[in-house]
Structure formats: structure tokens, C-alpha cells
Amino acid sequence: MKITEQVTMIVAGLTRVPAGELCPDTGIFESRLLTSLGLLDLVDRLEREFKIIILPEELIHDHFASIATITGFIGSKLAEAS
């Protein structure tokens, strides 16, 4: 499964929005799919799914604005680890 698909499934699970209805560029916070507390759940699930550690200083809007930005962030974290 591709990173985008995995991230989409995680966001779908947290928001209860069907994965097919989530667009990669939809603003997760602007569209109120997640709140700041939801971000903590998202980070937890991303860390477990991808076996990465997301540092507190990485919890910025640019990394978590949409499925597309999350995918890019996860890709860079995975590249760092290898």
C-alpha cells in the first residue's frame, strides 16, 4: 500500500469520512475534519503505522495541513530513517 493510501485510511478512520470522499489537498483543519486533539491521535497512529517518531517541533501546520502534506512529511521521515 502506498503512503498516500495509508495516510488516507488513517484520516478516514479518525474522521469517520469514507476514504473515497477524502481528497489529498483538502485542508484537514480548515474543513474541520480534525481538531488539535485529533492531531494527537493522528500523530500516534502515524507513528505506529510507519514506525517513526514525530518530534514536538515537527507538529507544525505545514506538515499536517492535508493528506498530501502529511504524505510528503512521512516520506521525508522514512527517507531520514533509511
Protein backbone atom coordinates (compact mmCIF):
# COMPACT_ATOMS: atom_id res chain seq x y z
CA MET A 1 0.00 0.00 0.00
CA LYS A 2 1.30 3.47 -0.88
CA ILE A 3 1.94 6.09 1.79
CA THR A 4 -0.92 8.24 0.47
CA GLU A 5 -3.36 5.34 0.76
CA GLN A 6 -2.19 4.52 4.28
CA VAL A 7 -2.48 8.14 5.41
CA THR A 8 -5.92 8.43 3.79
CA MET A 9 -7.12 5.32 5.64
CA ILE A 10 -5.81 6.67 8.96
CA VAL A 11 -7.50 10.06 8.43
CA ALA A 12 -10.72 8.31 7.33
CA GLY A 13 -10.67 6.23 10.50
CA LEU A 14 -10.21 9.27 12.70
CA THR A 15 -12.78 11.46 10.94
CA ARG A 16 -15.32 8.78 10.01
CA VAL A 17 -15.33 10.21 6.49
CA PRO A 18 -15.14 7.47 3.84
CA ALA A 19 -11.66 7.30 2.32
CA GLY A 20 -13.13 7.77 -1.17
CA GLU A 21 -14.51 11.16 -0.14
CA LEU A 22 -11.16 12.50 1.11
CA CYS A 23 -9.15 14.50 -1.40
CA PRO A 24 -5.37 14.71 -0.93
CA ASP A 25 -5.43 18.52 -0.96
CA THR A 26 -8.39 19.08 1.36
CA GLY A 27 -7.40 21.18 4.36
CA ILE A 28 -7.77 18.89 7.34
CA PHE A 29 -8.14 21.67 9.88
CA GLU A 30 -9.75 24.31 7.65
CA SER A 31 -12.52 21.87 6.76
CA ARG A 32 -12.77 20.88 10.45
CA LEU A 33 -12.09 17.22 9.80
CA LEU A 34 -9.76 17.20 12.82
CA THR A 35 -9.24 19.38 15.87
CA SER A 36 -5.99 19.93 17.73
CA LEU A 37 -6.85 16.93 19.92
CA GLY A 38 -7.48 14.90 16.80
CA LEU A 39 -3.98 15.83 15.66
CA LEU A 40 -2.58 14.00 18.67
CA ASP A 41 -4.49 10.86 17.69
CA LEU A 42 -3.30 11.26 14.11
CA VAL A 43 0.34 11.58 15.21
CA ASP A 44 0.01 8.49 17.41
CA ARG A 45 -1.41 6.43 14.56
CA LEU A 46 1.17 7.69 12.06
CA GLU A 47 4.00 6.83 14.44
CA ARG A 48 2.66 3.31 14.95
CA GLU A 49 1.82 2.68 11.29
CA PHE A 50 5.11 3.91 9.86
CA LYS A 51 7.34 3.10 12.86
CA ILE A 52 8.63 6.67 13.10
CA ILE A 53 8.96 9.26 15.83
CA ILE A 54 7.40 12.66 15.24
CA LEU A 55 9.13 15.28 17.37
CA PRO A 56 7.18 18.07 19.09
CA GLU A 57 8.91 20.70 16.93
CA GLU A 58 7.62 18.89 13.83
CA LEU A 59 3.98 19.46 14.83
CA ILE A 60 3.51 22.39 12.50
CA HIS A 61 0.70 23.22 10.10
CA ASP A 62 2.90 22.78 7.02
CA HIS A 63 3.34 19.08 7.83
CA PHE A 64 -0.27 18.30 8.72
CA ALA A 65 -2.38 20.65 6.57
CA SER A 66 -3.69 17.94 4.22
CA ILE A 67 -3.24 14.31 3.29
CA ALA A 68 -0.79 15.45 0.61
CA THR A 69 1.39 17.37 3.09
CA ILE A 70 1.25 14.53 5.61
CA THR A 71 2.31 12.10 2.89
CA GLY A 72 5.28 14.30 1.97
CA PHE A 73 6.26 14.65 5.61
CA ILE A 74 6.05 10.90 6.24
CA GLY A 75 8.06 10.26 3.07
CA SER A 76 10.82 12.55 4.32
CA LYS A 77 10.79 10.90 7.75
CA LEU A 78 11.11 7.47 6.18
CA ALA A 79 13.95 8.69 3.95
CA GLU A 80 15.77 10.03 7.02
CA ALA A 81 15.45 6.67 8.74
CA SER A 82 16.94 4.69 5.87
